[in-house]
């Protein structure tokens, strides 16, 4: 059975931000995907997103974004969502790569 694993690495803002998922079998890269988080491409959506949030959630994303600027909060949110998407894809791939889980049998009590 192949030994499968993955890495999720940050992408630079010049590449669109977000994350790159790299999939490996036996330490050989067998696939990759980009999960972008570019707040400038969807700025009007980010403004609408931010102003629909309760104040405490706005403050959370401003803190995560590291500033008081809405665009930084939106970037932080998109970055978190992109990571979740990459992680979800990686876990689905890993489950198929490793095959079905073994059936556990328990002794009778």
N, C-alpha and C. Protein backbone atom coordinates (compact mmCIF):
# COMPACT_ATOMS: atom_id res chain seq x y z
N UNK A 1 0.85 -1.18 0.00
CA UNK A 1 0.00 0.00 0.00
C UNK A 1 0.90 1.24 0.00
N UNK A 2 0.61 2.21 -0.85
CA UNK A 2 1.47 3.40 -0.91
C UNK A 2 1.35 4.24 0.36
N UNK A 3 2.46 4.83 0.72
CA UNK A 3 2.46 5.75 1.86
C UNK A 3 2.11 7.12 1.31
N UNK A 4 0.97 7.63 1.72
CA UNK A 4 0.45 8.89 1.18
C UNK A 4 0.47 9.97 2.26
N UNK A 5 0.77 11.17 1.83
CA UNK A 5 0.69 12.31 2.72
C UNK A 5 0.54 13.57 1.88
N UNK A 6 0.35 14.69 2.56
CA UNK A 6 0.18 15.95 1.85
C UNK A 6 0.80 17.09 2.64
N UNK A 7 0.99 18.19 1.95
CA UNK A 7 1.45 19.44 2.59
C UNK A 7 0.57 20.57 2.10
N UNK A 8 0.27 21.49 3.00
CA UNK A 8 -0.44 22.71 2.64
C UNK A 8 0.50 23.85 2.97
N UNK A 9 0.90 24.59 1.92
CA UNK A 9 1.90 25.65 2.08
C UNK A 9 1.30 26.99 1.67
N UNK A 10 1.70 28.07 2.35
CA UNK A 10 1.17 29.39 1.98
C UNK A 10 1.67 29.85 0.61
N UNK A 11 0.82 30.57 -0.10
CA UNK A 11 1.17 31.18 -1.38
C UNK A 11 1.44 32.66 -1.14
N UNK A 12 2.32 33.23 -1.91
CA UNK A 12 2.61 34.66 -1.75
C UNK A 12 1.44 35.49 -2.29
N UNK A 13 1.26 36.70 -1.78
CA UNK A 13 0.20 37.57 -2.29
C UNK A 13 0.32 37.81 -3.80
N UNK A 14 1.53 37.84 -4.32
CA UNK A 14 1.70 38.06 -5.77
C UNK A 14 1.17 36.87 -6.59
N UNK A 15 1.06 35.70 -5.95
CA UNK A 15 0.50 34.52 -6.61
C UNK A 15 -1.01 34.41 -6.38
N UNK A 16 -1.59 35.38 -5.69
CA UNK A 16 -3.02 35.33 -5.38
C UNK A 16 -3.31 34.97 -3.94
N UNK A 17 -2.27 34.82 -3.14
CA UNK A 17 -2.47 34.49 -1.73
C UNK A 17 -3.05 33.09 -1.57
N UNK A 18 -3.45 32.77 -0.37
CA UNK A 18 -4.06 31.47 -0.10
C UNK A 18 -3.02 30.39 0.15
N UNK A 19 -3.31 29.21 -0.38
CA UNK A 19 -2.53 28.02 -0.04
C UNK A 19 -2.32 27.14 -1.25
N UNK A 20 -1.23 26.37 -1.24
CA UNK A 20 -0.99 25.34 -2.23
C UNK A 20 -1.02 23.99 -1.53
N UNK A 21 -1.83 23.09 -2.04
CA UNK A 21 -1.91 21.73 -1.55
C UNK A 21 -1.02 20.86 -2.43
N UNK A 22 -0.10 20.14 -1.81
CA UNK A 22 0.76 19.19 -2.54
C UNK A 22 0.49 17.79 -2.00
N UNK A 23 0.22 16.87 -2.93
CA UNK A 23 -0.09 15.48 -2.56
C UNK A 23 1.10 14.59 -2.92
N UNK A 24 1.41 13.66 -2.02
CA UNK A 24 2.57 12.79 -2.21
C UNK A 24 2.21 11.32 -1.98
N UNK A 25 2.78 10.48 -2.83
CA UNK A 25 2.77 9.03 -2.62
C UNK A 25 4.22 8.59 -2.62
N UNK A 26 4.63 7.91 -1.56
CA UNK A 26 6.03 7.46 -1.44
C UNK A 26 7.01 8.61 -1.68
N UNK A 27 6.73 9.76 -1.13
CA UNK A 27 7.56 10.96 -1.22
C UNK A 27 7.71 11.51 -2.63
N UNK A 28 6.85 11.09 -3.54
CA UNK A 28 6.84 11.62 -4.91
C UNK A 28 5.56 12.45 -5.06
N UNK A 29 5.72 13.70 -5.51
CA UNK A 29 4.55 14.55 -5.68
C UNK A 29 3.69 14.01 -6.81
N UNK A 30 2.41 13.82 -6.51
CA UNK A 30 1.49 13.25 -7.50
C UNK A 30 0.36 14.21 -7.85
N UNK A 31 0.33 15.36 -7.23
CA UNK A 31 -0.70 16.34 -7.55
C UNK A 31 -0.57 17.57 -6.70
N UNK A 32 -1.18 18.64 -7.19
CA UNK A 32 -1.19 19.87 -6.42
C UNK A 32 -2.39 20.70 -6.82
N UNK A 33 -2.75 21.60 -5.94
CA UNK A 33 -3.86 22.51 -6.23
C UNK A 33 -3.64 23.83 -5.54
N UNK A 34 -4.18 24.88 -6.13
CA UNK A 34 -4.08 26.23 -5.57
C UNK A 34 -5.43 26.63 -4.99
N UNK A 35 -5.41 27.16 -3.79
CA UNK A 35 -6.60 27.63 -3.09
C UNK A 35 -6.37 29.11 -2.80
N UNK A 36 -6.91 29.95 -3.67
CA UNK A 36 -6.59 31.37 -3.66
C UNK A 36 -7.39 32.14 -2.61
N UNK A 37 -6.80 33.25 -2.18
CA UNK A 37 -7.44 34.14 -1.21
C UNK A 37 -7.04 35.56 -1.54
N UNK A 38 -7.54 36.05 -2.68
CA UNK A 38 -7.20 37.40 -3.12
C UNK A 38 -8.35 38.35 -2.84
N UNK A 39 -8.26 39.16 -1.79
CA UNK A 39 -9.39 40.01 -1.41
C UNK A 39 -9.69 41.11 -2.41
N UNK A 40 -8.73 41.48 -3.24
CA UNK A 40 -8.96 42.56 -4.19
C UNK A 40 -9.86 42.14 -5.35
N UNK A 41 -9.87 40.84 -5.67
CA UNK A 41 -10.71 40.36 -6.76
C UNK A 41 -12.19 40.41 -6.40
N UNK A 42 -12.51 40.31 -5.14
CA UNK A 42 -13.91 40.26 -4.71
C UNK A 42 -14.19 41.33 -3.65
N UNK A 43 -13.62 42.49 -3.84
CA UNK A 43 -13.73 43.54 -2.83
C UNK A 43 -15.18 43.93 -2.51
N UNK A 44 -16.07 44.14 -3.48
CA UNK A 44 -17.45 44.49 -3.13
C UNK A 44 -18.14 43.42 -2.29
N UNK A 45 -17.82 42.16 -2.57
CA UNK A 45 -18.39 41.07 -1.77
C UNK A 45 -17.86 41.15 -0.35
N UNK A 46 -16.58 41.48 -0.22
CA UNK A 46 -15.97 41.61 1.11
C UNK A 46 -16.60 42.73 1.93
N UNK A 47 -16.90 43.83 1.29
CA UNK A 47 -17.54 44.95 2.00
C UNK A 47 -18.91 44.51 2.51
N UNK A 48 -19.69 43.87 1.64
CA UNK A 48 -21.02 43.39 2.04
C UNK A 48 -20.90 42.35 3.15
N UNK A 49 -19.94 41.43 3.01
CA UNK A 49 -19.71 40.40 4.04
C UNK A 49 -19.44 41.06 5.38
N UNK A 50 -18.52 42.02 5.41
CA UNK A 50 -18.09 42.63 6.65
C UNK A 50 -19.25 43.34 7.36
N UNK A 51 -20.01 44.12 6.63
CA UNK A 51 -21.07 44.91 7.26
C UNK A 51 -22.29 44.09 7.65
N UNK A 52 -22.38 42.84 7.21
CA UNK A 52 -23.45 41.94 7.67
C UNK A 52 -23.07 41.22 8.97
N UNK A 53 -21.80 41.29 9.35
CA UNK A 53 -21.34 40.59 10.55
C UNK A 53 -21.72 41.36 11.81
N UNK A 54 -22.00 40.65 12.90
CA UNK A 54 -22.15 41.32 14.19
C UNK A 54 -20.83 41.99 14.57
N UNK A 55 -20.90 43.01 15.39
CA UNK A 55 -19.71 43.79 15.74
C UNK A 55 -18.60 42.94 16.35
N UNK A 56 -18.97 41.99 17.21
CA UNK A 56 -17.93 41.16 17.84
C UNK A 56 -17.21 40.29 16.80
N UNK A 57 -17.93 39.85 15.76
CA UNK A 57 -17.30 39.05 14.72
C UNK A 57 -16.46 39.94 13.81
N UNK A 58 -16.93 41.15 13.54
CA UNK A 58 -16.10 42.12 12.80
C UNK A 58 -14.78 42.32 13.53
N UNK A 59 -14.88 42.54 14.84
CA UNK A 59 -13.66 42.77 15.64
C UNK A 59 -12.73 41.56 15.61
N UNK A 60 -13.30 40.36 15.62
CA UNK A 60 -12.48 39.15 15.53
C UNK A 60 -11.67 39.15 14.23
N UNK A 61 -12.34 39.39 13.09
CA UNK A 61 -11.64 39.33 11.81
C UNK A 61 -10.67 40.49 11.63
N UNK A 62 -10.98 41.64 12.23
CA UNK A 62 -10.01 42.74 12.20
C UNK A 62 -8.75 42.34 12.97
N UNK A 63 -8.94 41.68 14.10
CA UNK A 63 -7.80 41.24 14.91
C UNK A 63 -6.99 40.18 14.14
N UNK A 64 -7.67 39.21 13.56
CA UNK A 64 -6.97 38.18 12.79
C UNK A 64 -6.23 38.81 11.61
N UNK A 65 -6.85 39.83 11.00
CA UNK A 65 -6.22 40.51 9.87
C UNK A 65 -5.08 41.42 10.26
N UNK A 66 -4.95 41.70 11.54
CA UNK A 66 -3.82 42.47 12.04
C UNK A 66 -3.90 43.97 11.82
N UNK A 67 -5.10 44.49 11.54
CA UNK A 67 -5.23 45.94 11.36
C UNK A 67 -6.70 46.33 11.55
N UNK A 68 -6.97 47.58 11.37
CA UNK A 68 -8.34 48.08 11.44
C UNK A 68 -8.94 48.24 10.04
N UNK A 69 -8.24 47.76 9.03
CA UNK A 69 -8.73 47.91 7.66
C UNK A 69 -9.62 46.74 7.27
N UNK A 70 -10.74 47.06 6.68
CA UNK A 70 -11.69 46.04 6.25
C UNK A 70 -11.03 45.05 5.27
N UNK A 71 -10.21 45.52 4.36
CA UNK A 71 -9.58 44.66 3.37
C UNK A 71 -8.69 43.60 4.04
N UNK A 72 -8.08 43.94 5.18
CA UNK A 72 -7.25 42.96 5.89
C UNK A 72 -8.10 41.91 6.60
N UNK A 73 -9.27 42.33 7.11
CA UNK A 73 -10.20 41.38 7.70
C UNK A 73 -10.71 40.42 6.63
N UNK A 74 -11.07 40.97 5.47
CA UNK A 74 -11.55 40.15 4.36
C UNK A 74 -10.46 39.19 3.89
N UNK A 75 -9.22 39.65 3.81
CA UNK A 75 -8.10 38.78 3.43
C UNK A 75 -7.95 37.63 4.44
N UNK A 76 -8.04 37.94 5.72
CA UNK A 76 -7.91 36.92 6.75
C UNK A 76 -9.02 35.88 6.64
N UNK A 77 -10.23 36.35 6.39
CA UNK A 77 -11.35 35.43 6.23
C UNK A 77 -11.16 34.53 5.01
N UNK A 78 -10.82 35.14 3.86
CA UNK A 78 -10.60 34.35 2.65
C UNK A 78 -9.46 33.36 2.82
N UNK A 79 -8.42 33.78 3.52
CA UNK A 79 -7.29 32.89 3.77
C UNK A 79 -7.71 31.69 4.62
N UNK A 80 -8.52 31.94 5.64
CA UNK A 80 -9.02 30.84 6.48
C UNK A 80 -9.90 29.90 5.68
N UNK A 81 -10.79 30.45 4.86
CA UNK A 81 -11.67 29.63 4.02
C UNK A 81 -10.86 28.82 3.01
N UNK A 82 -9.86 29.43 2.41
CA UNK A 82 -9.02 28.72 1.44
C UNK A 82 -8.28 27.56 2.12
N UNK A 83 -7.81 27.78 3.35
CA UNK A 83 -7.13 26.70 4.08
C UNK A 83 -8.09 25.55 4.36
N UNK A 84 -9.30 25.89 4.79
CA UNK A 84 -10.30 24.85 5.07
C UNK A 84 -10.59 24.05 3.81
N UNK A 85 -10.73 24.73 2.67
CA UNK A 85 -10.99 24.04 1.40
C UNK A 85 -9.83 23.11 1.04
N UNK A 86 -8.60 23.59 1.20
CA UNK A 86 -7.43 22.77 0.89
C UNK A 86 -7.36 21.56 1.81
N UNK A 87 -7.61 21.77 3.08
CA UNK A 87 -7.57 20.68 4.06
C UNK A 87 -8.65 19.64 3.76
N UNK A 88 -9.84 20.10 3.42
CA UNK A 88 -10.94 19.18 3.09
C UNK A 88 -10.56 18.32 1.87
N UNK A 89 -10.05 18.96 0.83
CA UNK A 89 -9.63 18.24 -0.36
C UNK A 89 -8.52 17.24 -0.03
N UNK A 90 -7.57 17.65 0.80
CA UNK A 90 -6.45 16.78 1.17
C UNK A 90 -6.93 15.55 1.93
N UNK A 91 -7.85 15.74 2.85
CA UNK A 91 -8.34 14.62 3.65
C UNK A 91 -9.15 13.64 2.80
N UNK A 92 -9.93 14.15 1.85
CA UNK A 92 -10.68 13.27 0.95
C UNK A 92 -9.70 12.46 0.11
N UNK A 93 -8.69 13.14 -0.45
CA UNK A 93 -7.69 12.45 -1.26
C UNK A 93 -6.95 11.40 -0.42
N UNK A 94 -6.57 11.77 0.79
CA UNK A 94 -5.82 10.86 1.65
C UNK A 94 -6.63 9.60 1.95
N UNK A 95 -7.91 9.77 2.19
CA UNK A 95 -8.76 8.61 2.47
C UNK A 95 -8.83 7.68 1.27
N UNK A 96 -8.90 8.22 0.06
CA UNK A 96 -8.94 7.37 -1.13
C UNK A 96 -7.58 6.75 -1.41
N UNK A 97 -6.52 7.47 -1.13
CA UNK A 97 -5.17 6.98 -1.38
C UNK A 97 -4.82 5.82 -0.45
N UNK A 98 -5.21 5.95 0.78
CA UNK A 98 -4.86 4.93 1.77
C UNK A 98 -5.79 3.72 1.71
N UNK A 99 -6.92 3.84 1.03
CA UNK A 99 -7.87 2.74 0.93
C UNK A 99 -8.80 2.71 2.13
N UNK A 100 -9.68 1.73 2.14
CA UNK A 100 -10.66 1.66 3.23
C UNK A 100 -9.99 1.36 4.57
N UNK A 101 -10.58 1.89 5.60
CA UNK A 101 -10.08 1.64 6.96
C UNK A 101 -10.29 0.18 7.31
N UNK A 102 -9.38 -0.38 8.08
CA UNK A 102 -9.56 -1.79 8.47
C UNK A 102 -10.79 -1.95 9.36
N UNK A 103 -11.40 -3.10 9.23
CA UNK A 103 -12.56 -3.41 10.07
C UNK A 103 -12.05 -3.86 11.44
N UNK A 104 -12.57 -3.24 12.45
CA UNK A 104 -12.17 -3.59 13.81
C UNK A 104 -13.12 -4.63 14.35
N UNK A 105 -12.58 -5.64 14.96
CA UNK A 105 -13.41 -6.64 15.62
C UNK A 105 -13.12 -6.57 17.11
N UNK A 106 -14.15 -6.72 17.88
CA UNK A 106 -14.03 -6.63 19.33
C UNK A 106 -14.37 -8.01 19.93
N UNK A 107 -13.60 -8.41 20.91
CA UNK A 107 -13.93 -9.68 21.54
C UNK A 107 -15.28 -9.58 22.28
N UNK A 108 -15.93 -10.69 22.35
CA UNK A 108 -17.20 -10.67 23.07
C UNK A 108 -16.92 -10.49 24.55
N UNK A 109 -17.78 -9.75 25.19
CA UNK A 109 -17.61 -9.50 26.63
C UNK A 109 -18.29 -10.55 27.44
